[in-house]
N, C-alpha and C. Protein backbone atom coordinates (compact mmCIF):
# COMPACT_ATOMS: atom_id res chain seq x y z
N MET A 1 48.91 -66.42 17.67
CA MET A 1 47.68 -66.79 17.03
C MET A 1 46.88 -65.48 16.88
N ALA A 2 46.23 -65.34 15.73
CA ALA A 2 45.39 -64.11 15.44
C ALA A 2 44.18 -64.19 16.27
N PRO A 3 43.69 -62.99 16.66
CA PRO A 3 42.49 -62.99 17.49
C PRO A 3 41.19 -63.27 16.72
N TYR A 4 41.32 -63.14 15.40
CA TYR A 4 40.12 -63.28 14.52
C TYR A 4 40.47 -64.37 13.42
N PRO A 5 39.41 -64.93 12.72
CA PRO A 5 39.74 -65.99 11.71
C PRO A 5 40.64 -65.32 10.71
N THR A 6 41.49 -66.13 10.20
CA THR A 6 42.53 -65.65 9.20
C THR A 6 41.82 -65.78 7.78
N LYS A 7 42.46 -65.27 6.84
CA LYS A 7 41.95 -65.34 5.48
C LYS A 7 41.74 -66.82 4.98
N THR A 8 42.78 -67.65 5.38
CA THR A 8 42.52 -69.00 5.00
C THR A 8 41.37 -69.78 5.72
N GLU A 9 41.29 -69.43 6.96
CA GLU A 9 39.98 -69.93 7.72
C GLU A 9 38.68 -69.50 7.06
N ILE A 10 38.82 -68.21 6.81
CA ILE A 10 37.44 -67.67 6.29
C ILE A 10 37.11 -68.33 4.91
N GLU A 11 38.16 -68.39 4.04
CA GLU A 11 37.99 -69.12 2.83
C GLU A 11 37.53 -70.49 2.99
N LEU A 12 37.90 -71.28 3.95
CA LEU A 12 37.69 -72.62 4.18
C LEU A 12 36.08 -72.67 4.68
N PHE A 13 35.62 -72.03 5.60
CA PHE A 13 34.35 -72.22 6.02
C PHE A 13 33.28 -71.49 5.00
N ALA A 14 33.78 -70.36 4.29
CA ALA A 14 32.79 -69.79 3.35
C ALA A 14 32.72 -70.63 2.07
N SER A 15 33.60 -71.54 1.93
CA SER A 15 33.61 -72.28 0.60
C SER A 15 32.40 -73.36 0.70
N SER A 16 31.88 -73.44 1.93
CA SER A 16 30.67 -74.24 2.12
C SER A 16 29.41 -73.55 1.48
N LEU A 17 29.42 -72.39 1.21
CA LEU A 17 28.33 -71.78 0.57
C LEU A 17 28.19 -72.25 -0.86
N GLY A 18 29.06 -72.83 -1.41
CA GLY A 18 28.95 -73.28 -2.77
C GLY A 18 28.55 -74.86 -2.81
N THR A 19 28.13 -75.33 -1.65
CA THR A 19 27.78 -76.80 -1.55
C THR A 19 26.30 -76.90 -1.14
N SER A 20 25.99 -78.19 -1.03
CA SER A 20 24.54 -78.41 -0.63
C SER A 20 24.40 -78.24 0.98
N ASP A 21 25.55 -78.10 1.56
CA ASP A 21 25.56 -78.02 3.01
C ASP A 21 26.31 -76.67 3.42
N PRO A 22 25.74 -75.61 3.53
CA PRO A 22 26.34 -74.33 3.95
C PRO A 22 26.55 -74.20 5.39
N SER A 23 26.27 -75.12 6.18
CA SER A 23 26.31 -75.01 7.66
C SER A 23 27.62 -74.68 8.25
N PRO A 24 28.74 -75.14 7.66
CA PRO A 24 30.06 -74.65 8.20
C PRO A 24 30.22 -73.10 8.29
N PHE A 25 29.48 -72.40 7.19
CA PHE A 25 29.52 -71.03 7.24
C PHE A 25 28.45 -70.50 8.22
N PHE A 26 27.29 -70.90 8.18
CA PHE A 26 26.20 -70.46 9.08
C PHE A 26 26.38 -70.75 10.61
N ASP A 27 27.30 -71.82 10.80
CA ASP A 27 27.60 -72.24 12.21
C ASP A 27 28.48 -71.16 12.77
N ARG A 28 29.17 -70.32 11.96
CA ARG A 28 30.06 -69.23 12.47
C ARG A 28 29.26 -67.93 12.55
N VAL A 29 28.03 -67.97 12.49
CA VAL A 29 27.18 -66.63 12.55
C VAL A 29 26.44 -66.79 13.86
N SER A 30 26.60 -65.59 14.65
CA SER A 30 25.91 -65.43 15.90
C SER A 30 24.43 -65.57 15.78
N PRO A 31 23.73 -66.09 16.83
CA PRO A 31 22.32 -66.15 16.87
C PRO A 31 21.64 -64.77 16.87
N ASN A 32 22.47 -63.71 17.27
CA ASN A 32 21.93 -62.24 17.22
C ASN A 32 22.66 -61.38 16.18
N VAL A 33 23.09 -62.01 15.14
CA VAL A 33 23.91 -61.23 14.12
C VAL A 33 22.97 -60.05 13.67
N GLN A 34 23.84 -58.86 13.45
CA GLN A 34 23.30 -57.81 12.87
C GLN A 34 23.45 -57.77 11.29
N ALA A 35 22.43 -57.86 10.66
CA ALA A 35 22.65 -57.96 9.23
C ALA A 35 21.85 -57.24 8.42
N PHE A 36 22.43 -56.46 7.28
CA PHE A 36 21.56 -55.65 6.46
C PHE A 36 22.26 -55.66 5.12
N ASP A 37 21.56 -55.27 4.06
CA ASP A 37 22.08 -55.31 2.69
C ASP A 37 22.24 -53.87 2.21
N HIS A 38 23.24 -53.76 1.43
CA HIS A 38 23.50 -52.45 0.66
C HIS A 38 23.29 -52.94 -0.79
N ILE A 39 22.13 -52.73 -1.29
CA ILE A 39 21.93 -53.34 -2.63
C ILE A 39 22.33 -52.23 -3.63
N ALA A 40 23.35 -52.60 -4.49
CA ALA A 40 23.99 -51.78 -5.44
C ALA A 40 23.18 -51.84 -6.69
N ALA A 41 22.61 -50.69 -7.22
CA ALA A 41 21.97 -50.55 -8.56
C ALA A 41 22.36 -49.32 -9.22
N ALA A 42 21.74 -49.02 -10.30
CA ALA A 42 22.10 -47.65 -11.01
C ALA A 42 21.83 -46.58 -10.33
N ASN A 43 20.97 -46.44 -9.44
CA ASN A 43 20.66 -45.15 -8.72
C ASN A 43 21.36 -45.11 -7.48
N ASP A 44 22.28 -46.13 -7.16
CA ASP A 44 23.06 -46.23 -5.94
C ASP A 44 22.33 -46.15 -4.60
N LEU A 45 20.99 -46.52 -4.71
CA LEU A 45 20.18 -46.55 -3.32
C LEU A 45 20.43 -47.96 -2.89
N ALA A 46 20.24 -48.10 -1.54
CA ALA A 46 20.31 -49.43 -0.99
C ALA A 46 18.99 -49.77 -0.26
N ALA A 47 18.78 -50.90 0.05
CA ALA A 47 17.58 -51.38 1.00
C ALA A 47 18.05 -52.13 2.07
N ARG A 48 17.43 -51.80 3.23
CA ARG A 48 17.55 -52.53 4.43
C ARG A 48 16.64 -53.60 4.55
N THR A 49 17.19 -54.90 4.72
CA THR A 49 16.33 -56.10 4.95
C THR A 49 16.83 -56.78 6.05
N LYS A 50 15.95 -57.86 6.47
CA LYS A 50 16.49 -58.63 7.55
C LYS A 50 17.12 -59.93 7.09
N ASN A 51 17.13 -60.16 5.73
CA ASN A 51 17.67 -61.37 5.14
C ASN A 51 18.42 -61.02 4.00
N LEU A 52 19.58 -61.62 3.75
CA LEU A 52 20.43 -61.53 2.65
C LEU A 52 19.79 -61.77 1.43
N ASP A 53 20.00 -61.11 0.43
CA ASP A 53 19.48 -61.44 -0.84
C ASP A 53 18.01 -61.56 -1.03
N SER A 54 17.15 -61.07 0.04
CA SER A 54 15.75 -61.21 -0.13
C SER A 54 15.32 -59.89 -0.72
N LEU A 55 14.18 -59.81 -1.37
CA LEU A 55 13.64 -58.64 -1.85
C LEU A 55 12.48 -58.10 -0.98
N GLN A 56 12.53 -58.41 0.17
CA GLN A 56 11.43 -57.96 1.10
C GLN A 56 11.91 -56.65 1.73
N PHE A 57 11.98 -55.58 1.04
CA PHE A 57 12.57 -54.34 1.48
C PHE A 57 11.75 -53.75 2.65
N SER A 58 12.44 -53.33 3.68
CA SER A 58 11.69 -52.67 4.75
C SER A 58 11.64 -51.22 4.38
N GLU A 59 12.77 -50.62 3.87
CA GLU A 59 12.76 -49.16 3.59
C GLU A 59 13.97 -48.89 2.74
N ALA A 60 13.98 -47.83 1.96
CA ALA A 60 15.15 -47.60 1.20
C ALA A 60 15.89 -46.50 1.90
N PHE A 61 17.35 -46.54 1.77
CA PHE A 61 18.16 -45.68 2.42
C PHE A 61 19.50 -45.56 1.64
N HIS A 62 20.20 -44.55 1.91
CA HIS A 62 21.64 -44.48 1.28
C HIS A 62 22.67 -45.26 2.21
N SER A 63 23.72 -45.83 1.73
CA SER A 63 24.57 -46.56 2.43
C SER A 63 24.94 -46.12 3.80
N ASN A 64 24.75 -46.83 4.80
CA ASN A 64 25.33 -46.52 6.13
C ASN A 64 24.54 -45.36 6.82
N SER A 65 23.29 -45.09 6.34
CA SER A 65 22.61 -43.99 6.88
C SER A 65 21.74 -44.32 8.19
N ARG A 66 21.73 -45.63 8.33
CA ARG A 66 20.81 -46.07 9.40
C ARG A 66 21.50 -47.36 10.16
N PRO A 67 21.33 -47.61 11.24
CA PRO A 67 21.96 -48.76 11.96
C PRO A 67 21.37 -50.13 11.43
N PRO A 68 22.15 -51.18 11.62
CA PRO A 68 21.81 -52.41 11.03
C PRO A 68 20.51 -53.03 11.73
N THR A 69 19.85 -53.91 11.06
CA THR A 69 18.69 -54.61 11.63
C THR A 69 19.04 -55.78 12.43
N ASP A 70 18.63 -55.98 13.62
CA ASP A 70 18.88 -57.13 14.31
C ASP A 70 18.04 -58.28 13.65
N THR A 71 18.66 -59.42 13.57
CA THR A 71 17.98 -60.57 13.01
C THR A 71 18.63 -61.77 13.65
N SER A 72 18.15 -62.94 13.29
CA SER A 72 18.65 -64.14 13.82
C SER A 72 19.42 -64.81 12.85
N SER A 73 20.38 -65.72 13.28
CA SER A 73 21.17 -66.56 12.27
C SER A 73 20.20 -67.50 11.52
N ALA A 74 19.19 -68.03 12.36
CA ALA A 74 18.30 -68.85 11.76
C ALA A 74 17.54 -68.27 10.61
N ASP A 75 17.03 -66.86 10.81
CA ASP A 75 16.40 -66.24 9.88
C ASP A 75 17.18 -65.97 8.64
N TRP A 76 18.47 -65.59 8.87
CA TRP A 76 19.43 -65.29 7.79
C TRP A 76 19.62 -66.56 7.02
N LYS A 77 19.84 -67.69 7.67
CA LYS A 77 20.11 -68.87 6.99
C LYS A 77 18.96 -69.41 6.25
N THR A 78 17.80 -69.27 6.81
CA THR A 78 16.47 -69.74 6.00
C THR A 78 16.27 -68.94 4.72
N HIS A 79 16.46 -67.59 4.93
CA HIS A 79 16.04 -66.76 3.77
C HIS A 79 17.19 -66.37 2.87
N ALA A 80 18.52 -66.53 3.33
CA ALA A 80 19.64 -66.15 2.39
C ALA A 80 19.40 -66.90 1.03
N LEU A 81 19.35 -66.08 0.04
CA LEU A 81 19.32 -66.46 -1.38
C LEU A 81 17.90 -66.99 -1.67
N GLY A 82 16.92 -67.00 -0.84
CA GLY A 82 15.60 -67.78 -1.03
C GLY A 82 14.85 -67.09 -2.22
N THR A 83 14.87 -65.81 -2.43
CA THR A 83 14.14 -65.20 -3.47
C THR A 83 14.64 -65.47 -4.75
N ILE A 84 16.02 -65.50 -4.89
CA ILE A 84 16.63 -65.66 -6.23
C ILE A 84 16.55 -67.28 -6.55
N ASN A 85 16.71 -68.04 -5.56
CA ASN A 85 16.68 -69.48 -5.73
C ASN A 85 15.28 -69.96 -6.42
N ALA A 86 14.29 -69.18 -6.02
CA ALA A 86 12.99 -69.51 -6.53
C ALA A 86 12.73 -69.47 -8.03
N VAL A 87 13.64 -68.57 -8.57
CA VAL A 87 13.52 -68.49 -10.09
C VAL A 87 14.63 -69.06 -10.90
N LEU A 88 15.59 -69.68 -10.19
CA LEU A 88 16.62 -70.36 -10.89
C LEU A 88 16.44 -71.76 -11.05
N ALA A 89 16.98 -72.29 -12.19
CA ALA A 89 16.88 -73.74 -12.59
C ALA A 89 17.25 -74.60 -11.69
N SER A 90 18.38 -74.17 -10.90
CA SER A 90 18.97 -74.98 -9.73
C SER A 90 19.49 -74.10 -8.69
N PRO A 91 19.53 -74.39 -7.44
CA PRO A 91 20.09 -73.54 -6.47
C PRO A 91 21.41 -72.85 -6.68
N LEU A 92 21.55 -71.64 -6.25
CA LEU A 92 22.71 -70.74 -6.50
C LEU A 92 23.87 -71.47 -5.68
N GLN A 93 24.96 -71.56 -6.56
CA GLN A 93 26.24 -72.09 -5.90
C GLN A 93 27.21 -70.97 -5.69
N LEU A 94 27.46 -70.46 -4.61
CA LEU A 94 28.38 -69.25 -4.46
C LEU A 94 29.94 -69.79 -4.44
N ARG A 95 30.75 -69.07 -5.04
CA ARG A 95 32.18 -69.36 -5.09
C ARG A 95 32.89 -68.18 -4.36
N VAL A 96 33.84 -68.55 -3.69
CA VAL A 96 34.77 -67.56 -2.96
C VAL A 96 35.76 -67.07 -4.03
N LYS A 97 35.82 -65.82 -4.32
CA LYS A 97 36.82 -65.20 -5.04
C LYS A 97 38.05 -64.65 -4.36
N ASN A 98 37.71 -63.93 -3.22
CA ASN A 98 38.72 -63.38 -2.44
C ASN A 98 38.21 -63.10 -1.10
N VAL A 99 39.15 -63.02 -0.20
CA VAL A 99 39.00 -62.56 1.27
C VAL A 99 40.02 -61.46 1.46
N VAL A 100 39.51 -60.49 2.05
CA VAL A 100 40.42 -59.42 2.46
C VAL A 100 40.25 -59.13 3.93
N GLY A 101 41.26 -59.06 4.77
CA GLY A 101 41.14 -58.73 6.13
C GLY A 101 41.20 -60.13 7.09
N GLY A 102 40.54 -59.91 8.16
CA GLY A 102 40.71 -61.04 9.16
C GLY A 102 42.02 -61.06 9.86
N GLY A 103 42.29 -62.20 10.50
CA GLY A 103 43.52 -62.32 11.31
C GLY A 103 43.64 -61.36 12.56
N ASP A 104 44.30 -60.25 12.18
CA ASP A 104 44.36 -59.21 13.35
C ASP A 104 43.33 -58.11 13.28
N GLN A 105 42.43 -58.35 12.20
CA GLN A 105 41.47 -57.38 12.07
C GLN A 105 39.97 -57.99 12.31
N PRO A 106 39.04 -57.25 12.91
CA PRO A 106 37.75 -57.92 13.23
C PRO A 106 36.91 -57.90 12.02
N TRP A 107 37.23 -57.16 11.00
CA TRP A 107 36.43 -57.00 9.80
C TRP A 107 37.05 -57.73 8.60
N ALA A 108 36.32 -58.40 7.86
CA ALA A 108 36.83 -59.05 6.61
C ALA A 108 35.80 -58.92 5.44
N VAL A 109 36.38 -58.82 4.21
CA VAL A 109 35.29 -58.70 3.00
C VAL A 109 35.41 -60.07 2.37
N LEU A 110 34.29 -60.63 2.17
CA LEU A 110 34.19 -61.91 1.48
C LEU A 110 33.59 -61.64 0.00
N GLU A 111 34.54 -61.77 -1.00
CA GLU A 111 33.96 -61.58 -2.38
C GLU A 111 33.58 -62.90 -2.87
N LEU A 112 32.33 -62.86 -3.32
CA LEU A 112 31.70 -64.08 -3.86
C LEU A 112 31.20 -64.06 -5.38
N GLU A 113 31.09 -65.04 -6.08
CA GLU A 113 30.54 -64.89 -7.34
C GLU A 113 29.49 -66.25 -7.56
N ALA A 114 28.61 -65.94 -8.37
CA ALA A 114 27.62 -67.17 -8.72
C ALA A 114 27.21 -66.94 -10.15
N ASP A 115 27.30 -67.85 -10.90
CA ASP A 115 26.83 -67.93 -12.29
C ASP A 115 25.69 -69.01 -12.35
N ALA A 116 24.56 -68.64 -12.87
CA ALA A 116 23.44 -69.62 -12.89
C ALA A 116 22.58 -69.34 -14.07
N THR A 117 21.51 -70.06 -14.23
CA THR A 117 20.52 -69.89 -15.25
C THR A 117 19.20 -69.87 -14.67
N CYS A 118 18.40 -68.89 -15.09
CA CYS A 118 17.06 -68.78 -14.48
C CYS A 118 16.13 -69.90 -15.20
N LYS A 119 15.03 -70.12 -14.65
CA LYS A 119 14.04 -71.22 -15.33
C LYS A 119 13.75 -70.77 -16.70
N ASN A 120 13.75 -69.41 -16.96
CA ASN A 120 13.33 -69.10 -18.47
C ASN A 120 14.59 -69.04 -19.45
N GLY A 121 15.70 -69.48 -18.92
CA GLY A 121 16.93 -69.52 -19.72
C GLY A 121 17.74 -68.32 -19.57
N MET A 122 17.35 -67.14 -18.89
CA MET A 122 18.20 -66.05 -18.73
C MET A 122 19.45 -66.35 -17.82
N GLU A 123 20.56 -65.82 -18.24
CA GLU A 123 21.77 -66.06 -17.53
C GLU A 123 21.76 -65.07 -16.24
N TYR A 124 22.27 -65.62 -15.17
CA TYR A 124 22.30 -64.89 -14.02
C TYR A 124 23.71 -64.97 -13.51
N ALA A 125 24.38 -63.83 -13.73
CA ALA A 125 25.88 -63.81 -13.18
C ALA A 125 25.84 -62.76 -12.10
N GLN A 126 25.89 -63.07 -10.79
CA GLN A 126 25.74 -62.23 -9.77
C GLN A 126 27.22 -62.13 -9.05
N ARG A 127 27.47 -61.08 -8.62
CA ARG A 127 28.76 -60.75 -7.82
C ARG A 127 28.34 -60.23 -6.42
N TYR A 128 28.88 -60.62 -5.40
CA TYR A 128 28.64 -60.23 -4.09
C TYR A 128 29.81 -59.87 -3.26
N ALA A 129 29.69 -58.76 -2.30
CA ALA A 129 30.66 -58.48 -1.33
C ALA A 129 30.06 -58.57 -0.03
N TRP A 130 30.40 -59.40 0.79
CA TRP A 130 29.84 -59.51 2.16
C TRP A 130 30.95 -59.06 3.04
N VAL A 131 30.61 -58.00 3.83
CA VAL A 131 31.52 -57.39 4.68
C VAL A 131 31.14 -58.04 6.12
N LEU A 132 32.04 -58.64 6.77
CA LEU A 132 31.73 -59.43 8.17
C LEU A 132 32.55 -58.82 9.09
N ARG A 133 32.00 -58.79 10.34
CA ARG A 133 32.67 -58.47 11.58
C ARG A 133 32.73 -59.55 12.51
N PHE A 134 33.87 -59.93 12.81
CA PHE A 134 33.87 -61.28 13.71
C PHE A 134 34.17 -60.79 15.21
N ASP A 135 33.62 -61.56 16.07
CA ASP A 135 34.17 -61.34 17.55
C ASP A 135 35.38 -62.15 17.85
N GLU A 136 35.82 -62.00 19.00
CA GLU A 136 37.22 -62.74 19.34
C GLU A 136 37.06 -64.20 19.36
N GLU A 137 35.79 -64.78 19.29
CA GLU A 137 35.68 -66.20 19.18
C GLU A 137 35.46 -66.67 17.79
N GLY A 138 35.73 -65.63 16.75
CA GLY A 138 35.50 -66.18 15.44
C GLY A 138 34.16 -66.24 14.80
N ILE A 139 33.11 -65.56 15.61
CA ILE A 139 31.78 -65.75 15.11
C ILE A 139 31.37 -64.24 14.38
N VAL A 140 30.63 -64.48 13.43
CA VAL A 140 30.18 -63.33 12.72
C VAL A 140 29.10 -62.67 13.56
N VAL A 141 29.26 -61.46 13.90
CA VAL A 141 28.29 -60.68 14.69
C VAL A 141 27.61 -59.52 13.94
N GLN A 142 28.30 -59.19 12.76
CA GLN A 142 27.75 -58.07 11.91
C GLN A 142 27.91 -58.43 10.46
N ALA A 143 27.04 -58.33 9.65
CA ALA A 143 27.27 -58.53 8.15
C ALA A 143 26.58 -57.43 7.24
N ARG A 144 27.27 -57.25 6.24
CA ARG A 144 26.55 -56.31 5.22
C ARG A 144 26.80 -56.97 3.91
N ALA A 145 25.76 -56.97 3.06
CA ALA A 145 25.90 -57.72 1.66
C ALA A 145 25.65 -56.61 0.61
N TYR A 146 26.59 -56.60 -0.35
CA TYR A 146 26.44 -55.69 -1.51
C TYR A 146 26.31 -56.68 -2.67
N LEU A 147 25.34 -56.20 -3.51
CA LEU A 147 25.05 -57.05 -4.79
C LEU A 147 24.21 -56.20 -5.69
N ASP A 148 24.07 -56.80 -6.91
CA ASP A 148 23.44 -55.94 -8.00
C ASP A 148 21.85 -56.29 -7.95
N SER A 149 21.15 -55.45 -7.36
CA SER A 149 19.67 -55.56 -7.22
C SER A 149 18.98 -55.42 -8.63
N ALA A 150 19.54 -54.71 -9.62
CA ALA A 150 18.81 -54.71 -10.79
C ALA A 150 18.90 -56.10 -11.54
N LEU A 151 19.92 -56.73 -11.25
CA LEU A 151 19.94 -58.22 -11.91
C LEU A 151 18.87 -58.98 -11.20
N VAL A 152 18.89 -58.90 -9.82
CA VAL A 152 18.00 -59.69 -9.08
C VAL A 152 16.51 -59.42 -9.52
N GLN A 153 16.23 -58.14 -9.61
CA GLN A 153 14.91 -57.76 -10.11
C GLN A 153 14.62 -58.19 -11.42
N LYS A 154 15.45 -58.04 -12.41
CA LYS A 154 15.12 -58.51 -13.69
C LYS A 154 14.98 -60.03 -13.65
N ALA A 155 15.71 -60.79 -13.00
CA ALA A 155 15.53 -62.33 -12.93
C ALA A 155 14.11 -62.62 -12.36
N VAL A 156 13.78 -61.94 -11.21
CA VAL A 156 12.51 -62.20 -10.64
C VAL A 156 11.39 -61.79 -11.54
N ASP A 157 11.43 -60.70 -12.14
CA ASP A 157 10.33 -60.08 -13.07
C ASP A 157 10.15 -61.03 -14.39
N SER A 158 11.26 -61.43 -14.94
CA SER A 158 11.25 -62.10 -16.19
C SER A 158 10.89 -63.60 -15.86
N ASN A 159 10.80 -64.06 -14.76
CA ASN A 159 10.51 -65.43 -14.38
C ASN A 159 9.24 -65.57 -13.48
N ALA A 160 8.55 -64.36 -13.51
CA ALA A 160 7.30 -64.43 -12.75
C ALA A 160 6.14 -65.19 -13.41
C-alpha cells in the first residue's frame, strides 16, 4: 500500500470541490496547514495570502522567496474562493482535470478548472494548479495555489 493518497484517491476527494459540499476535500486538510498562493499574472509576481483565492494580499514576492504562511484549515475552508464567489452569478464549481503525483510521493499537483459567469455577464474561465504535500496519514499539510490573478482582478473590478 502506498504511504500517501494515490492519484485515484486524490481525484475522488477533490471532486467534492465541484459540489455544494466540499467537506470531503477539506476534511483531508490539517488544522495547521501551511498555505500560500503563487498568483500568476503577466508580471510573474505572486502574492502570499492566508487564504486560497482571496485578494487580501499581505505582501508581493517572487515564487518561493519566502516560507509559507501558517493558517488553519477552518480559515482556508471559510475563505477559499470567497472573493470570486462574491462577484459570480452562482458559486464556483471546480472540476478536477488531472492529478500528478501521490502514491509513493508526498507531493501531488491537483489541476482544476472552473467556468462561470460573473453577475455582470463577464465569462470567468479560471484554471488552477494546487500543489499539495501530504503526511503519511494522507492529510494535506502544505498547499500552494497557482491561478490567474489578472482574471480575478478583472472580474472583481468589473463587478464592483
